[in-house]
Amino acid sequence: MTSAATAWRAEPGRSLATNWVVPVDVPEHVGPTRPAVNETVVSTLVGRNLRRLRKQHRLSLEELARQSGVSRAMLGQIEQAKSIPSIKTLWQVAQALGVSVSWFLEAGDQSQVWLIAPPSDSARVLKSGEGELRSLQQLADVSRDAFYELRLAPGAALSLPASTASRRVNVAVSLGLVHVDVDDVTHPIRAREVLQYETHEALLWRNLGATEALAFVLIRSLTRVD
């Protein structure tokens, strides 16, 4: 019993009425605990993120299975939240898709909308010889695709350094004329034209015209990210 009314002991020569002993509460020893893991929530989150990223890369389950070394059946079970993958399996899939393993546990809201405004120091009209290459993605958006807005004033040139990995580049010109150098050959690209090419050399874009040029550049790495 633990109440004060029943916690007593008798001592020789004393009456029971004067020998009440107030009990001391001793906390029960509790060992280390782990937070409960809701496997349904985890499997649903991983499956939803895997399916979303696979669709963004326009890969079928068969194609992703070939690139990752994870069977199509396992990938299907993960996407349907019927299986929680091991760290090794997630790592293989992440390598194939060019993201970190932690990406699959992001609990972002798919309905979120972001407005990416130009930087405060971005001029509305560029001066002669000036150029601007602006990322059109969030900083946290890690994938093998890079999307840019390219602005070139007359006489301007912009470039990106060479890469050890081969890259597929799409340059879509919206206004003006952009000269694209590919393997020492110059290609003039006019408004509404798109140039697609693959190279690991430095990327160079120039405006040799008399008016400002505007283009959009999509760059995809063709090798896995280690």
Protein backbone atom coordinates (compact mmCIF):
# COMPACT_ATOMS: atom_id res chain seq x y z
CA MET A 1 0.00 0.00 0.00
CA THR A 2 1.25 3.50 -0.70
CA SER A 3 -1.11 5.90 1.12
CA ALA A 4 -0.04 7.69 4.35
CA ALA A 5 -2.99 6.21 6.25
CA THR A 6 -1.63 2.69 5.90
CA ALA A 7 2.12 3.26 5.89
CA TRP A 8 3.18 2.70 9.46
CA ARG A 9 5.47 0.54 11.51
CA ALA A 10 5.50 -0.38 15.23
CA GLU A 11 8.51 0.22 17.44
CA PRO A 12 9.00 -1.26 20.93
CA GLY A 13 7.74 0.97 23.80
CA ARG A 14 5.71 3.31 21.63
CA SER A 15 2.10 3.30 20.70
CA LEU A 16 1.00 2.80 17.18
CA ALA A 17 -0.66 6.22 17.27
CA THR A 18 2.70 7.99 17.41
CA ASN A 19 4.53 5.83 14.90
CA TRP A 20 3.10 6.87 11.54
CA VAL A 21 5.75 6.96 8.87
CA VAL A 22 5.11 9.24 5.92
CA PRO A 23 6.04 7.33 2.79
CA VAL A 24 8.67 8.77 0.50
CA ASP A 25 7.81 8.66 -3.18
CA VAL A 26 10.65 6.98 -5.05
CA PRO A 27 10.39 7.40 -8.80
CA GLU A 28 10.21 4.17 -10.65
CA HIS A 29 13.25 3.57 -12.85
CA VAL A 30 12.32 3.91 -16.47
CA GLY A 31 14.72 2.77 -19.15
CA PRO A 32 15.45 4.67 -22.38
CA THR A 33 12.48 4.98 -24.68
CA ARG A 34 12.18 5.47 -28.40
CA PRO A 35 9.52 7.60 -30.06
CA ALA A 36 6.79 5.57 -31.65
CA VAL A 37 7.15 5.25 -35.40
CA ASN A 38 4.04 5.27 -37.49
CA GLU A 39 5.07 2.97 -40.32
CA THR A 40 2.01 3.86 -42.37
CA VAL A 41 2.94 7.56 -42.34
CA VAL A 42 6.55 6.81 -43.26
CA SER A 43 5.72 4.43 -46.09
CA THR A 44 3.11 6.83 -47.50
CA LEU A 45 5.54 9.76 -47.39
CA VAL A 46 8.38 7.86 -49.07
CA GLY A 47 6.08 6.38 -51.70
CA ARG A 48 4.52 9.73 -52.57
CA ASN A 49 7.89 11.45 -52.90
CA LEU A 50 9.34 8.64 -55.00
CA ARG A 51 6.42 8.68 -57.41
CA ARG A 52 6.51 12.48 -57.71
CA LEU A 53 10.25 12.59 -58.46
CA ARG A 54 10.05 9.68 -60.90
CA LYS A 55 7.29 11.49 -62.81
CA GLN A 56 9.35 14.68 -62.85
CA HIS A 57 12.18 12.76 -64.51
CA ARG A 58 9.69 11.15 -66.91
CA LEU A 59 10.84 7.67 -66.02
CA SER A 60 8.77 4.51 -66.05
CA LEU A 61 9.16 1.97 -63.26
CA GLU A 62 11.09 -0.25 -65.67
CA GLU A 63 13.51 2.58 -66.58
CA LEU A 64 14.09 3.53 -62.95
CA ALA A 65 14.63 -0.14 -62.07
CA ARG A 66 17.37 -0.40 -64.73
CA GLN A 67 19.07 2.80 -63.57
CA SER A 68 18.90 2.08 -59.85
CA GLY A 69 19.34 -1.70 -59.69
CA VAL A 70 16.16 -1.97 -57.59
CA SER A 71 13.53 -4.33 -58.99
CA ARG A 72 10.39 -2.95 -60.60
CA ALA A 73 8.28 -4.93 -58.15
CA MET A 74 10.02 -3.36 -55.16
CA LEU A 75 9.71 0.15 -56.62
CA GLY A 76 6.00 -0.46 -57.18
CA GLN A 77 5.51 -1.64 -53.60
CA ILE A 78 7.33 1.45 -52.29
CA GLU A 79 5.23 3.84 -54.36
CA GLN A 80 2.03 2.13 -53.19
CA ALA A 81 3.16 2.42 -49.55
CA LYS A 82 3.16 -1.37 -49.20
CA SER A 83 6.82 -1.54 -48.21
CA ILE A 84 9.30 0.63 -46.31
CA PRO A 85 12.62 0.47 -48.19
CA SER A 86 15.96 -0.10 -46.51
CA ILE A 87 18.58 2.66 -46.42
CA LYS A 88 20.54 0.77 -49.08
CA THR A 89 17.52 0.66 -51.41
CA LEU A 90 16.77 4.35 -50.87
CA TRP A 91 20.41 5.19 -51.55
CA GLN A 92 20.35 3.29 -54.85
CA VAL A 93 17.19 5.08 -55.98
CA ALA A 94 18.51 8.46 -54.81
CA GLN A 95 21.70 7.95 -56.83
CA ALA A 96 19.69 7.17 -59.95
CA LEU A 97 17.51 10.27 -59.52
CA GLY A 98 20.30 12.61 -58.47
CA VAL A 99 18.95 13.54 -55.02
CA SER A 100 19.89 12.92 -51.38
CA VAL A 101 18.26 10.14 -49.36
CA SER A 102 16.69 12.71 -47.02
CA TRP A 103 14.62 14.04 -49.92
CA PHE A 104 12.29 11.04 -49.65
CA LEU A 105 11.34 12.05 -46.10
CA GLU A 106 10.45 15.64 -46.94
CA ALA A 107 6.88 16.31 -45.83
CA GLY A 108 6.29 19.22 -48.18
CA ASP A 109 2.82 20.14 -49.30
CA GLN A 110 2.38 19.31 -52.97
CA SER A 111 -0.03 22.22 -53.36
CA GLN A 112 2.56 24.84 -52.39
CA VAL A 113 3.24 27.59 -54.91
CA TRP A 114 6.40 29.68 -54.98
CA LEU A 115 7.00 33.02 -56.67
CA ILE A 116 10.64 33.43 -57.64
CA ALA A 117 11.23 37.14 -58.11
CA PRO A 118 14.30 38.58 -59.83
CA PRO A 119 17.05 39.86 -57.52
CA SER A 120 16.76 43.45 -56.34
CA ASP A 121 19.87 44.48 -58.29
CA SER A 122 18.56 43.06 -61.58
CA ALA A 123 18.15 45.95 -64.03
CA ARG A 124 15.08 46.14 -66.23
CA VAL A 125 17.27 47.14 -69.16
CA LEU A 126 20.85 45.92 -69.42
CA LYS A 127 23.65 48.22 -70.44
CA SER A 128 25.76 47.40 -73.47
CA GLY A 129 28.00 44.42 -72.78
CA GLU A 130 26.08 43.32 -69.67
CA GLY A 131 24.60 39.86 -69.21
CA GLU A 132 22.57 38.01 -66.61
CA LEU A 133 22.09 34.30 -65.97
CA ARG A 134 19.40 33.79 -63.32
CA SER A 135 18.32 30.49 -61.79
CA LEU A 136 14.58 29.85 -62.03
CA GLN A 137 14.56 27.23 -59.28
CA GLN A 138 14.48 27.26 -55.51
CA LEU A 139 17.85 26.84 -53.83
CA ALA A 140 16.59 23.66 -52.16
CA ASP A 141 15.52 22.14 -55.44
CA VAL A 142 18.19 19.50 -55.91
CA SER A 143 17.92 17.51 -59.10
CA ARG A 144 19.94 16.84 -62.24
CA ASP A 145 18.10 19.64 -64.08
CA ALA A 146 19.11 23.30 -63.89
CA PHE A 147 16.80 25.95 -65.36
CA TYR A 148 17.98 29.49 -66.14
CA GLU A 149 16.84 32.78 -67.64
CA LEU A 150 19.55 34.18 -69.92
CA ARG A 151 19.65 37.90 -70.72
CA LEU A 152 22.31 39.39 -72.98
CA ALA A 153 22.75 43.03 -73.93
CA PRO A 154 24.38 43.79 -77.30
CA GLY A 155 28.02 42.70 -77.18
CA ALA A 156 27.57 40.60 -74.02
CA ALA A 157 28.74 37.02 -73.45
CA LEU A 158 28.13 34.60 -70.59
CA SER A 159 29.59 31.17 -69.95
CA LEU A 160 29.61 28.24 -67.53
CA PRO A 161 32.78 26.22 -66.88
CA ALA A 162 33.47 22.80 -68.34
CA SER A 163 32.17 19.75 -66.50
CA THR A 164 33.57 16.28 -65.99
CA ALA A 165 30.07 14.96 -66.70
CA SER A 166 28.40 15.20 -70.06
CA ARG A 167 25.47 17.65 -70.16
CA ARG A 168 22.42 17.98 -72.37
CA VAL A 169 21.65 21.65 -73.00
CA ASN A 170 18.50 23.23 -74.42
CA VAL A 171 18.65 26.91 -75.37
CA ALA A 172 15.25 28.40 -76.27
CA VAL A 173 15.45 31.97 -77.56
CA SER A 174 12.50 34.24 -76.84
CA LEU A 175 13.79 37.62 -78.04
CA GLY A 176 16.68 38.70 -80.20
CA LEU A 177 19.55 36.56 -81.45
CA VAL A 178 21.85 34.34 -79.39
CA HIS A 179 25.05 32.78 -80.70
CA VAL A 180 25.84 29.44 -79.08
CA ASP A 181 29.33 27.99 -79.33
CA VAL A 182 29.46 24.18 -79.42
CA ASP A 183 32.80 22.42 -79.97
CA ASP A 184 34.31 25.46 -81.72
CA VAL A 185 31.28 25.87 -83.99
CA THR A 186 29.00 28.92 -83.62
CA HIS A 187 25.24 28.44 -84.02
CA PRO A 188 23.03 31.56 -84.38
CA ILE A 189 19.66 30.94 -82.67
CA ARG A 190 16.76 33.26 -83.40
CA ALA A 191 13.53 33.97 -81.54
CA ARG A 192 11.30 30.88 -81.16
CA GLU A 193 14.15 28.56 -82.16
CA VAL A 194 15.63 25.96 -79.81
CA LEU A 195 19.12 24.47 -79.95
CA GLN A 196 19.72 21.14 -78.17
CA TYR A 197 23.21 19.75 -77.78
CA GLU A 198 25.38 17.56 -75.57
CA THR A 199 28.84 18.48 -74.33
CA HIS A 200 31.13 18.44 -71.31
CA GLU A 201 33.01 21.52 -72.54
CA ALA A 202 32.43 25.05 -71.23
CA LEU A 203 29.07 26.57 -72.21
CA LEU A 204 29.22 29.92 -74.03
CA TRP A 205 26.38 32.18 -75.15
CA ARG A 206 26.87 35.53 -76.94
CA ASN A 207 24.77 38.37 -78.30
CA LEU A 208 26.25 39.78 -81.50
CA GLY A 209 23.05 41.60 -82.45
CA ALA A 210 21.94 45.20 -81.94
CA THR A 211 19.14 44.53 -79.40
CA GLU A 212 18.87 42.72 -76.07
CA ALA A 213 18.42 38.95 -76.28
CA LEU A 214 16.34 36.79 -73.95
CA ALA A 215 16.57 33.01 -73.78
CA PHE A 216 15.80 30.14 -71.41
CA VAL A 217 18.41 27.46 -70.75
CA LEU A 218 17.79 23.95 -69.44
CA ILE A 219 20.83 21.89 -68.46
CA ARG A 220 20.66 18.21 -67.49
CA SER A 221 23.54 16.15 -66.20
CA LEU A 222 23.69 12.84 -68.04
CA THR A 223 25.61 10.96 -65.36
CA ARG A 224 24.67 9.98 -61.84
CA VAL A 225 25.47 12.28 -58.97
CA ASP A 226 27.78 10.58 -56.44
